[in-house]
Structure formats: C-alpha cells, structure tokens
C-alpha cells in the first residue's frame, strides 16, 4: 500500500511540474516568427503589394505577439488577426501605447471596444500606427478566480502531505 502511495505521489508531482504549457513561437500573418528583432517600421508583404507595419499585442487575446499588418488596420481588425479576445478580456479598457518619433516619447490612449460592440459605431475604434503596443487587460474577477485556483492547489498539497505522513506512520 505504501508503494502505491509513493508512486501516486511521484506521478502527481511530475504531472504538476511537467504539465505546464510549453512556449511556442508564434507565426505572424506574413509567415515570419515573432522572436525576430524589429529592424524597420514598414515591411513589404511577401504575398501581396501591401506595405505592412509591425505592432505588438499583449494580454488577453488568443495569440499575443508581434504582428505585421497592413497600414490602415484598425484595432478590431488587429485583435481579430490575433484570434480575438479571450473570455477573461476586459474590453472596456484596452490600452494603445503609441510610439512617437519625437524625443522617443510615447503616449497612452484607452479604447472602449465594448462600446463599439454595443453600438456598432466605428468612431470608437482608432487606426493602429507603426510600433504601437496594444494591451488587452484581464477582468478583475479573473484575479479572484486565479487566487482561488492557487488556494485549491495549496489545499491539495497539504492533503497530499497529510496522506503521506499518515501512510508513512502506519505500521
């Protein structure tokens, strides 16, 4: 019985440690990988005659990373090209960090995509500029859900340790 418990304990430990999702390189719309350095602001597309710009997408989208998108792309098109927002995305406070050419300064604007989804009015959706960084934040309720997840894992760990001590101390 003790051997079975030890084997189960080791299997649970291994599955917890090695069960993490591996990091993969994300392919952009032009087929290049996102771990490449950003050398220029504009890129000529290999599949069409379009001039592309590089933008960064972070946060609660399906595939965050670097994207080469056509000039004139708006925020909805960009988020759509990432696979769309996740269910835990807070669409009412999406931040766009605009990189400025002058004095290496940048400024941040906040966009309410939820308002666009409710009304369909495209005036709420700005056009993306080269080297912009889009940050889609997480809903505050998801922080609470994540803390419950950690609490559950800690309780499971205490349970395993208690069971280990119980079976080890039995004659």
N, C-alpha and C. Protein backbone atom coordinates (compact mmCIF):
# COMPACT_ATOMS: atom_id res chain seq x y z
N UNK A 1 0.82 -1.20 0.00
CA UNK A 1 0.00 0.00 0.00
C UNK A 1 0.87 1.27 0.00
N UNK A 2 1.96 1.20 0.75
CA UNK A 2 2.85 2.35 0.80
C UNK A 2 3.49 2.61 -0.55
N UNK A 3 3.83 1.55 -1.26
CA UNK A 3 4.46 1.72 -2.57
C UNK A 3 3.50 2.38 -3.55
N UNK A 4 2.23 2.00 -3.50
CA UNK A 4 1.25 2.59 -4.38
C UNK A 4 1.12 4.08 -4.08
N UNK A 5 1.11 4.42 -2.81
CA UNK A 5 1.00 5.82 -2.43
C UNK A 5 2.22 6.61 -2.92
N UNK A 6 3.43 6.04 -2.77
CA UNK A 6 4.63 6.72 -3.24
C UNK A 6 4.58 6.92 -4.75
N UNK A 7 4.14 5.92 -5.49
CA UNK A 7 4.06 6.03 -6.94
C UNK A 7 3.05 7.11 -7.33
N UNK A 8 1.88 7.12 -6.68
CA UNK A 8 0.88 8.15 -6.96
C UNK A 8 1.39 9.54 -6.63
N UNK A 9 2.11 9.67 -5.53
CA UNK A 9 2.67 10.96 -5.14
C UNK A 9 3.67 11.44 -6.18
N UNK A 10 4.53 10.56 -6.64
CA UNK A 10 5.53 10.93 -7.64
C UNK A 10 4.85 11.31 -8.95
N UNK A 11 3.84 10.55 -9.36
CA UNK A 11 3.12 10.86 -10.60
C UNK A 11 2.42 12.21 -10.51
N UNK A 12 1.82 12.52 -9.37
CA UNK A 12 1.16 13.81 -9.22
C UNK A 12 2.18 14.94 -9.27
N UNK A 13 3.33 14.74 -8.66
CA UNK A 13 4.37 15.76 -8.68
C UNK A 13 4.88 15.98 -10.10
N UNK A 14 5.14 14.90 -10.81
CA UNK A 14 5.65 15.01 -12.18
C UNK A 14 4.63 15.68 -13.09
N UNK A 15 3.36 15.30 -12.95
CA UNK A 15 2.34 15.91 -13.80
C UNK A 15 2.17 17.39 -13.51
N UNK A 16 2.37 17.79 -12.26
CA UNK A 16 2.27 19.21 -11.92
C UNK A 16 3.45 19.99 -12.49
N UNK A 17 4.64 19.44 -12.39
CA UNK A 17 5.83 20.14 -12.86
C UNK A 17 5.90 20.18 -14.38
N UNK A 18 5.67 19.04 -15.02
CA UNK A 18 5.83 18.95 -16.47
C UNK A 18 4.53 19.17 -17.23
N UNK A 19 3.45 19.41 -16.56
CA UNK A 19 2.17 19.62 -17.22
C UNK A 19 1.96 21.05 -17.66
N UNK A 20 2.95 21.90 -17.48
CA UNK A 20 2.84 23.29 -17.89
C UNK A 20 2.89 23.39 -19.40
N UNK A 21 2.19 24.38 -19.96
CA UNK A 21 2.16 24.57 -21.41
C UNK A 21 3.52 25.10 -21.86
N UNK A 22 4.02 24.51 -22.94
CA UNK A 22 5.32 24.93 -23.44
C UNK A 22 5.19 26.23 -24.22
N UNK A 23 6.28 26.96 -24.29
CA UNK A 23 6.31 28.22 -25.02
C UNK A 23 6.58 27.91 -26.48
N UNK A 24 5.76 28.46 -27.37
CA UNK A 24 5.92 28.24 -28.80
C UNK A 24 6.14 29.57 -29.49
N UNK A 25 6.82 29.50 -30.61
CA UNK A 25 6.98 30.70 -31.41
C UNK A 25 5.70 30.93 -32.19
N UNK A 26 5.23 32.16 -32.21
CA UNK A 26 4.00 32.50 -32.90
C UNK A 26 4.34 33.00 -34.30
N UNK A 27 3.65 32.51 -35.28
CA UNK A 27 3.83 32.96 -36.65
C UNK A 27 2.96 34.19 -36.90
N UNK A 28 3.51 35.16 -37.59
CA UNK A 28 2.73 36.35 -37.92
C UNK A 28 1.96 36.12 -39.21
N UNK A 29 1.20 37.10 -39.63
CA UNK A 29 0.39 36.96 -40.84
C UNK A 29 1.26 36.86 -42.08
N UNK A 30 2.51 37.25 -42.03
CA UNK A 30 3.39 37.16 -43.19
C UNK A 30 4.23 35.89 -43.17
N UNK A 31 4.06 35.06 -42.15
CA UNK A 31 4.80 33.82 -42.09
C UNK A 31 6.12 33.92 -41.34
N UNK A 32 6.47 35.12 -40.87
CA UNK A 32 7.69 35.26 -40.09
C UNK A 32 7.38 35.01 -38.64
N UNK A 33 8.40 34.68 -37.86
CA UNK A 33 8.19 34.36 -36.46
C UNK A 33 8.36 35.58 -35.59
N UNK A 34 7.67 35.56 -34.42
CA UNK A 34 7.63 36.74 -33.56
C UNK A 34 8.89 36.96 -32.74
N UNK A 35 9.81 36.01 -32.74
CA UNK A 35 11.02 36.22 -31.96
C UNK A 35 12.12 36.91 -32.77
N UNK A 36 11.76 37.45 -33.92
CA UNK A 36 12.72 38.18 -34.74
C UNK A 36 12.86 39.61 -34.22
N UNK A 37 14.01 40.21 -34.38
CA UNK A 37 14.16 41.61 -33.96
C UNK A 37 13.42 42.53 -34.92
N UNK A 38 12.95 43.64 -34.39
CA UNK A 38 12.25 44.62 -35.21
C UNK A 38 13.27 45.56 -35.83
N UNK A 39 13.49 45.43 -37.13
CA UNK A 39 14.52 46.21 -37.79
C UNK A 39 13.98 47.49 -38.40
N UNK A 40 12.75 47.47 -38.86
CA UNK A 40 12.21 48.66 -39.51
C UNK A 40 10.75 48.83 -39.14
N UNK A 41 10.21 49.98 -39.48
CA UNK A 41 8.82 50.27 -39.16
C UNK A 41 7.88 49.73 -40.22
N UNK A 42 8.33 49.64 -41.45
CA UNK A 42 7.47 49.19 -42.54
C UNK A 42 8.13 48.02 -43.26
N UNK A 43 7.29 47.09 -43.73
CA UNK A 43 7.76 45.89 -44.39
C UNK A 43 6.91 45.69 -45.63
N UNK A 44 7.52 45.29 -46.73
CA UNK A 44 6.78 44.97 -47.93
C UNK A 44 6.33 43.51 -47.82
N UNK A 45 5.04 43.27 -47.99
CA UNK A 45 4.48 41.94 -47.86
C UNK A 45 5.05 41.01 -48.92
N UNK A 46 5.27 39.76 -48.54
CA UNK A 46 5.78 38.77 -49.49
C UNK A 46 4.65 38.16 -50.31
N UNK A 47 3.41 38.30 -49.86
CA UNK A 47 2.28 37.69 -50.57
C UNK A 47 1.48 38.67 -51.41
N UNK A 48 1.62 39.96 -51.16
CA UNK A 48 0.89 40.97 -51.93
C UNK A 48 1.75 42.22 -52.04
N UNK A 49 1.20 43.25 -52.66
CA UNK A 49 1.94 44.50 -52.79
C UNK A 49 1.68 45.45 -51.63
N UNK A 50 1.11 44.96 -50.55
CA UNK A 50 0.77 45.81 -49.41
C UNK A 50 2.01 46.17 -48.61
N UNK A 51 2.00 47.37 -48.07
CA UNK A 51 3.04 47.81 -47.17
C UNK A 51 2.56 47.50 -45.75
N UNK A 52 3.38 46.78 -44.98
CA UNK A 52 2.98 46.33 -43.66
C UNK A 52 3.71 47.11 -42.58
N UNK A 53 3.11 47.16 -41.41
CA UNK A 53 3.74 47.76 -40.24
C UNK A 53 3.74 46.72 -39.12
N UNK A 54 4.68 46.83 -38.23
CA UNK A 54 4.79 45.90 -37.11
C UNK A 54 4.14 46.50 -35.88
N UNK A 55 3.27 45.73 -35.24
CA UNK A 55 2.63 46.14 -33.98
C UNK A 55 2.73 44.99 -32.99
N UNK A 56 2.64 45.34 -31.71
CA UNK A 56 2.72 44.35 -30.64
C UNK A 56 1.36 44.23 -29.96
N UNK A 57 0.94 43.00 -29.67
CA UNK A 57 -0.33 42.78 -28.98
C UNK A 57 -0.03 41.94 -27.75
N UNK A 58 -0.42 42.47 -26.59
CA UNK A 58 -0.20 41.80 -25.31
C UNK A 58 -1.53 41.55 -24.62
N UNK A 59 -1.51 40.64 -23.69
CA UNK A 59 -2.65 40.48 -22.80
C UNK A 59 -3.62 39.40 -23.22
N UNK A 60 -4.88 39.67 -22.98
CA UNK A 60 -5.94 38.67 -23.09
C UNK A 60 -6.47 38.53 -24.51
N UNK A 61 -5.61 38.08 -25.41
CA UNK A 61 -6.01 37.70 -26.76
C UNK A 61 -5.56 36.26 -26.98
N UNK A 62 -6.10 35.61 -27.99
CA UNK A 62 -5.80 34.20 -28.21
C UNK A 62 -4.32 33.96 -28.52
N UNK A 63 -3.71 34.82 -29.34
CA UNK A 63 -2.30 34.65 -29.73
C UNK A 63 -1.57 35.98 -29.63
N UNK A 64 -1.12 36.36 -28.43
CA UNK A 64 -0.37 37.62 -28.32
C UNK A 64 0.98 37.50 -29.03
N UNK A 65 1.53 38.63 -29.43
CA UNK A 65 2.84 38.63 -30.07
C UNK A 65 3.02 39.80 -31.00
N UNK A 66 4.02 39.70 -31.88
CA UNK A 66 4.30 40.70 -32.90
C UNK A 66 3.51 40.36 -34.15
N UNK A 67 2.90 41.37 -34.75
CA UNK A 67 2.14 41.16 -35.98
C UNK A 67 2.53 42.17 -37.03
N UNK A 68 2.66 41.70 -38.26
CA UNK A 68 2.88 42.56 -39.40
C UNK A 68 1.52 42.70 -40.08
N UNK A 69 0.95 43.90 -39.99
CA UNK A 69 -0.40 44.14 -40.53
C UNK A 69 -0.34 45.27 -41.55
N UNK A 70 -1.29 45.30 -42.49
CA UNK A 70 -1.29 46.38 -43.48
C UNK A 70 -1.51 47.75 -42.84
N UNK A 71 -0.94 48.75 -43.44
CA UNK A 71 -1.16 50.13 -42.99
C UNK A 71 -2.65 50.43 -43.14
N UNK A 72 -3.23 51.08 -42.16
CA UNK A 72 -4.65 51.39 -42.18
C UNK A 72 -5.48 50.40 -41.38
N UNK A 73 -4.84 49.41 -40.77
CA UNK A 73 -5.55 48.43 -39.95
C UNK A 73 -6.09 49.10 -38.70
N UNK A 74 -7.34 48.83 -38.36
CA UNK A 74 -7.89 49.38 -37.13
C UNK A 74 -7.77 48.35 -35.99
N UNK A 75 -8.15 48.77 -34.81
CA UNK A 75 -7.98 47.95 -33.62
C UNK A 75 -8.78 46.64 -33.69
N UNK A 76 -9.99 46.68 -34.22
CA UNK A 76 -10.81 45.48 -34.32
C UNK A 76 -10.17 44.47 -35.27
N UNK A 77 -9.67 44.94 -36.41
CA UNK A 77 -9.00 44.05 -37.36
C UNK A 77 -7.76 43.41 -36.74
N UNK A 78 -7.01 44.20 -35.97
CA UNK A 78 -5.80 43.69 -35.35
C UNK A 78 -6.13 42.62 -34.31
N UNK A 79 -7.09 42.90 -33.45
CA UNK A 79 -7.46 41.92 -32.42
C UNK A 79 -8.06 40.67 -33.08
N UNK A 80 -8.76 40.86 -34.17
CA UNK A 80 -9.30 39.71 -34.91
C UNK A 80 -8.18 38.85 -35.48
N UNK A 81 -7.11 39.48 -35.95
CA UNK A 81 -5.99 38.72 -36.51
C UNK A 81 -5.23 37.93 -35.44
N UNK A 82 -5.40 38.31 -34.17
CA UNK A 82 -4.77 37.55 -33.08
C UNK A 82 -5.63 36.37 -32.64
N UNK A 83 -6.78 36.20 -33.26
CA UNK A 83 -7.69 35.14 -32.85
C UNK A 83 -8.82 35.63 -31.99
N UNK A 84 -8.83 36.92 -31.70
CA UNK A 84 -9.89 37.51 -30.89
C UNK A 84 -9.53 37.53 -29.42
N UNK A 85 -10.36 38.22 -28.64
CA UNK A 85 -10.09 38.30 -27.20
C UNK A 85 -10.45 36.98 -26.50
N UNK A 86 -9.83 36.76 -25.35
CA UNK A 86 -10.20 35.61 -24.54
C UNK A 86 -11.46 35.95 -23.74
N UNK A 87 -12.02 34.96 -23.07
CA UNK A 87 -13.24 35.20 -22.29
C UNK A 87 -12.96 36.05 -21.06
N UNK A 88 -11.70 36.15 -20.65
CA UNK A 88 -11.36 36.94 -19.47
C UNK A 88 -10.86 38.34 -19.82
N UNK A 89 -11.01 38.76 -21.07
CA UNK A 89 -10.55 40.09 -21.50
C UNK A 89 -11.52 41.18 -21.06
N UNK A 90 -10.95 42.28 -20.59
CA UNK A 90 -11.74 43.45 -20.22
C UNK A 90 -11.70 44.41 -21.40
N UNK A 91 -12.73 44.35 -22.24
CA UNK A 91 -12.74 45.11 -23.48
C UNK A 91 -13.08 46.58 -23.31
N UNK A 92 -13.47 46.98 -22.12
CA UNK A 92 -13.83 48.39 -21.91
C UNK A 92 -12.60 49.27 -21.64
N UNK A 93 -11.44 48.68 -21.44
CA UNK A 93 -10.24 49.49 -21.14
C UNK A 93 -9.02 48.96 -21.88
N UNK A 94 -9.10 48.82 -23.18
CA UNK A 94 -7.96 48.38 -23.98
C UNK A 94 -7.02 49.56 -24.15
N UNK A 95 -5.75 49.36 -23.86
CA UNK A 95 -4.77 50.44 -23.95
C UNK A 95 -3.97 50.33 -25.25
N UNK A 96 -3.74 51.48 -25.85
CA UNK A 96 -2.87 51.57 -27.01
C UNK A 96 -1.73 52.49 -26.64
N UNK A 97 -0.53 51.96 -26.68
CA UNK A 97 0.67 52.74 -26.39
C UNK A 97 1.25 53.14 -27.74
N UNK A 98 1.15 54.42 -28.05
CA UNK A 98 1.62 54.93 -29.34
C UNK A 98 3.08 55.35 -29.19
N UNK A 99 3.92 54.81 -30.05
CA UNK A 99 5.33 55.20 -30.05
C UNK A 99 5.46 56.47 -30.87
N UNK A 100 6.16 57.45 -30.33
CA UNK A 100 6.33 58.73 -31.00
C UNK A 100 7.73 58.83 -31.58
N UNK A 101 7.83 59.49 -32.72
CA UNK A 101 9.14 59.70 -33.34
C UNK A 101 9.94 60.79 -32.64
N UNK A 102 9.24 61.75 -32.07
CA UNK A 102 9.91 62.91 -31.49
C UNK A 102 10.33 62.63 -30.05
N UNK A 103 11.58 62.80 -29.75
CA UNK A 103 12.16 62.70 -28.41
C UNK A 103 11.92 61.34 -27.75
N UNK A 104 11.66 60.31 -28.54
CA UNK A 104 11.43 58.96 -28.01
C UNK A 104 10.36 58.92 -26.93
N UNK A 105 9.37 59.77 -27.04
CA UNK A 105 8.27 59.79 -26.08
C UNK A 105 7.11 58.98 -26.64
N UNK A 106 6.29 58.48 -25.74
CA UNK A 106 5.10 57.77 -26.17
C UNK A 106 3.93 58.24 -25.32
N UNK A 107 2.72 58.00 -25.83
CA UNK A 107 1.54 58.34 -25.06
C UNK A 107 0.57 57.18 -25.12
N UNK A 108 -0.29 57.13 -24.13
CA UNK A 108 -1.22 56.01 -23.99
C UNK A 108 -2.65 56.51 -24.17
N UNK A 109 -3.41 55.78 -24.95
CA UNK A 109 -4.84 56.08 -25.08
C UNK A 109 -5.62 54.82 -24.70
N UNK A 110 -6.81 55.03 -24.16
CA UNK A 110 -7.66 53.93 -23.74
C UNK A 110 -8.88 53.88 -24.66
N UNK A 111 -9.20 52.67 -25.12
CA UNK A 111 -10.30 52.48 -26.06
C UNK A 111 -11.34 51.55 -25.42
N UNK A 112 -12.61 51.89 -25.60
CA UNK A 112 -13.71 51.08 -25.10
C UNK A 112 -14.29 50.26 -26.25
N UNK A 113 -13.74 49.07 -26.47
CA UNK A 113 -14.22 48.21 -27.54
C UNK A 113 -15.63 47.73 -27.25
N UNK A 114 -15.95 47.58 -25.98
CA UNK A 114 -17.30 47.13 -25.59
C UNK A 114 -18.37 48.10 -26.11
N UNK A 115 -18.05 49.39 -26.08
CA UNK A 115 -18.99 50.39 -26.58
C UNK A 115 -19.21 50.21 -28.08
N UNK A 116 -18.14 49.91 -28.81
CA UNK A 116 -18.27 49.63 -30.24
C UNK A 116 -19.12 48.39 -30.48
N UNK A 117 -18.90 47.35 -29.69
CA UNK A 117 -19.68 46.12 -29.85
C UNK A 117 -21.15 46.33 -29.53
N UNK A 118 -21.43 47.23 -28.59
CA UNK A 118 -22.82 47.50 -28.24
C UNK A 118 -23.53 48.38 -29.27
N UNK A 119 -22.81 49.35 -29.83
CA UNK A 119 -23.45 50.32 -30.72
C UNK A 119 -23.14 50.08 -32.20
N UNK A 120 -22.00 49.49 -32.50
CA UNK A 120 -21.58 49.31 -33.89
C UNK A 120 -21.00 50.57 -34.49
N UNK A 121 -20.80 51.60 -33.69
CA UNK A 121 -20.28 52.88 -34.16
C UNK A 121 -18.76 52.80 -34.26
N UNK A 122 -18.22 52.91 -35.46
CA UNK A 122 -16.78 52.74 -35.68
C UNK A 122 -15.96 53.95 -35.23
N UNK A 123 -16.59 55.02 -34.79
CA UNK A 123 -15.83 56.18 -34.31
C UNK A 123 -15.07 55.86 -33.02
N UNK A 124 -15.46 54.80 -32.32
CA UNK A 124 -14.79 54.41 -31.09
C UNK A 124 -13.52 53.60 -31.34
N UNK A 125 -13.28 53.20 -32.58
CA UNK A 125 -12.16 52.33 -32.90
C UNK A 125 -11.10 53.12 -33.66
N UNK A 126 -9.92 53.29 -33.06
CA UNK A 126 -8.86 54.06 -33.73
C UNK A 126 -8.07 53.20 -34.72
N UNK A 127 -7.36 53.89 -35.59
CA UNK A 127 -6.45 53.24 -36.52
C UNK A 127 -5.14 52.99 -35.79
N UNK A 128 -4.53 51.86 -36.07
CA UNK A 128 -3.27 51.49 -35.44
C UNK A 128 -2.12 52.10 -36.24
N UNK A 129 -1.07 52.54 -35.52
CA UNK A 129 0.10 53.14 -36.15
C UNK A 129 1.30 52.20 -35.98
N UNK A 130 2.35 52.39 -36.76
CA UNK A 130 3.53 51.53 -36.64
C UNK A 130 4.12 51.55 -35.23
N UNK A 131 4.56 50.40 -34.78
CA UNK A 131 5.21 50.19 -33.48
C UNK A 131 4.29 50.43 -32.30
N UNK A 132 2.97 50.48 -32.51
CA UNK A 132 2.04 50.59 -31.40
C UNK A 132 2.05 49.29 -30.60
N UNK A 133 1.77 49.43 -29.32
CA UNK A 133 1.60 48.27 -28.44
C UNK A 133 0.18 48.29 -27.92
N UNK A 134 -0.53 47.21 -28.15
CA UNK A 134 -1.92 47.09 -27.70
C UNK A 134 -1.92 46.15 -26.51
N UNK A 135 -2.54 46.60 -25.41
CA UNK A 135 -2.61 45.80 -24.19
C UNK A 135 -4.09 45.57 -23.87
N UNK A 136 -4.51 44.31 -23.92
CA UNK A 136 -5.88 43.94 -23.58
C UNK A 136 -5.84 43.41 -22.15
N UNK A 137 -6.39 44.17 -21.18
CA UNK A 137 -6.27 43.77 -19.78
C UNK A 137 -7.21 42.63 -19.42
N UNK A 138 -6.97 42.07 -18.25
CA UNK A 138 -7.80 40.99 -17.72
C UNK A 138 -8.88 41.59 -16.81
N UNK A 139 -10.03 40.93 -16.75
CA UNK A 139 -11.10 41.37 -15.87
C UNK A 139 -10.66 41.21 -14.42
N UNK A 140 -11.03 42.13 -13.54
CA UNK A 140 -10.66 41.99 -12.13
C UNK A 140 -11.18 40.71 -11.49
N UNK A 141 -12.32 40.23 -11.95
CA UNK A 141 -12.86 38.99 -11.37
C UNK A 141 -11.97 37.80 -11.67
N UNK A 142 -11.18 37.88 -12.73
CA UNK A 142 -10.29 36.77 -13.07
C UNK A 142 -9.13 36.68 -12.08
N UNK A 143 -8.74 37.81 -11.47
CA UNK A 143 -7.71 37.75 -10.43
C UNK A 143 -8.21 36.93 -9.24
N UNK A 144 -9.48 37.13 -8.89
CA UNK A 144 -10.07 36.39 -7.78
C UNK A 144 -10.13 34.91 -8.13
N UNK A 145 -10.56 34.59 -9.35
CA UNK A 145 -10.62 33.20 -9.78
C UNK A 145 -9.23 32.56 -9.76
N UNK A 146 -8.23 33.30 -10.15
CA UNK A 146 -6.86 32.77 -10.13
C UNK A 146 -6.40 32.54 -8.70
N UNK A 147 -6.77 33.42 -7.78
CA UNK A 147 -6.36 33.21 -6.38
C UNK A 147 -7.06 31.99 -5.79
N UNK A 148 -8.32 31.74 -6.18
CA UNK A 148 -8.98 30.52 -5.73
C UNK A 148 -8.29 29.29 -6.29
N UNK A 149 -7.79 29.39 -7.49
CA UNK A 149 -7.07 28.27 -8.09
C UNK A 149 -5.82 27.96 -7.28
N UNK A 150 -5.07 29.00 -6.90
CA UNK A 150 -3.87 28.80 -6.09
C UNK A 150 -4.23 28.24 -4.72
N UNK A 151 -5.31 28.72 -4.14
CA UNK A 151 -5.75 28.22 -2.84
C UNK A 151 -6.09 26.74 -2.93
N UNK A 152 -6.76 26.36 -3.98
CA UNK A 152 -7.10 24.95 -4.18
C UNK A 152 -5.84 24.10 -4.33
N UNK A 153 -4.87 24.59 -5.04
CA UNK A 153 -3.62 23.84 -5.21
C UNK A 153 -2.88 23.69 -3.88
N UNK A 154 -2.88 24.73 -3.07
CA UNK A 154 -2.21 24.66 -1.77
C UNK A 154 -2.94 23.66 -0.87
N UNK A 155 -4.27 23.66 -0.87
CA UNK A 155 -5.04 22.70 -0.07
C UNK A 155 -4.75 21.28 -0.54
N UNK A 156 -4.67 21.07 -1.85
CA UNK A 156 -4.33 19.74 -2.37
C UNK A 156 -2.94 19.31 -1.93
N UNK A 157 -2.00 20.22 -1.92
CA UNK A 157 -0.65 19.91 -1.48
C UNK A 157 -0.63 19.53 0.00
N UNK A 158 -1.36 20.27 0.83
CA UNK A 158 -1.45 19.94 2.26
C UNK A 158 -2.09 18.57 2.44
N UNK A 159 -3.12 18.28 1.64
CA UNK A 159 -3.77 16.97 1.71
C UNK A 159 -2.79 15.86 1.35
N UNK A 160 -2.00 16.05 0.31
CA UNK A 160 -1.03 15.02 -0.10
C UNK A 160 0.00 14.81 0.99
N UNK A 161 0.49 15.90 1.57
CA UNK A 161 1.49 15.77 2.64
C UNK A 161 0.89 15.05 3.84
N UNK A 162 -0.34 15.37 4.19
CA UNK A 162 -1.01 14.71 5.31
C UNK A 162 -1.20 13.23 5.04
N UNK A 163 -1.62 12.90 3.84
CA UNK A 163 -1.79 11.48 3.48
C UNK A 163 -0.46 10.76 3.49
N UNK A 164 0.58 11.42 3.02
CA UNK A 164 1.92 10.84 3.03
C UNK A 164 2.36 10.53 4.45
N UNK A 165 2.18 11.49 5.35
CA UNK A 165 2.54 11.26 6.75
C UNK A 165 1.70 10.16 7.38
N UNK A 166 0.42 10.12 7.05
CA UNK A 166 -0.47 9.10 7.61
C UNK A 166 -0.02 7.70 7.20
N UNK A 167 0.22 7.50 5.91
CA UNK A 167 0.63 6.17 5.44
C UNK A 167 2.05 5.81 5.85
N UNK A 168 2.88 6.79 6.03
CA UNK A 168 4.24 6.52 6.46
C UNK A 168 4.27 6.13 7.92
N UNK A 169 3.40 6.69 8.73
CA UNK A 169 3.41 6.39 10.17
C UNK A 169 2.64 5.11 10.52
N UNK A 170 1.88 4.56 9.58
CA UNK A 170 1.15 3.32 9.84
C UNK A 170 2.12 2.15 9.91
N UNK A 171 1.81 1.18 10.79
CA UNK A 171 2.71 0.01 10.89
C UNK A 171 2.56 -0.93 9.73
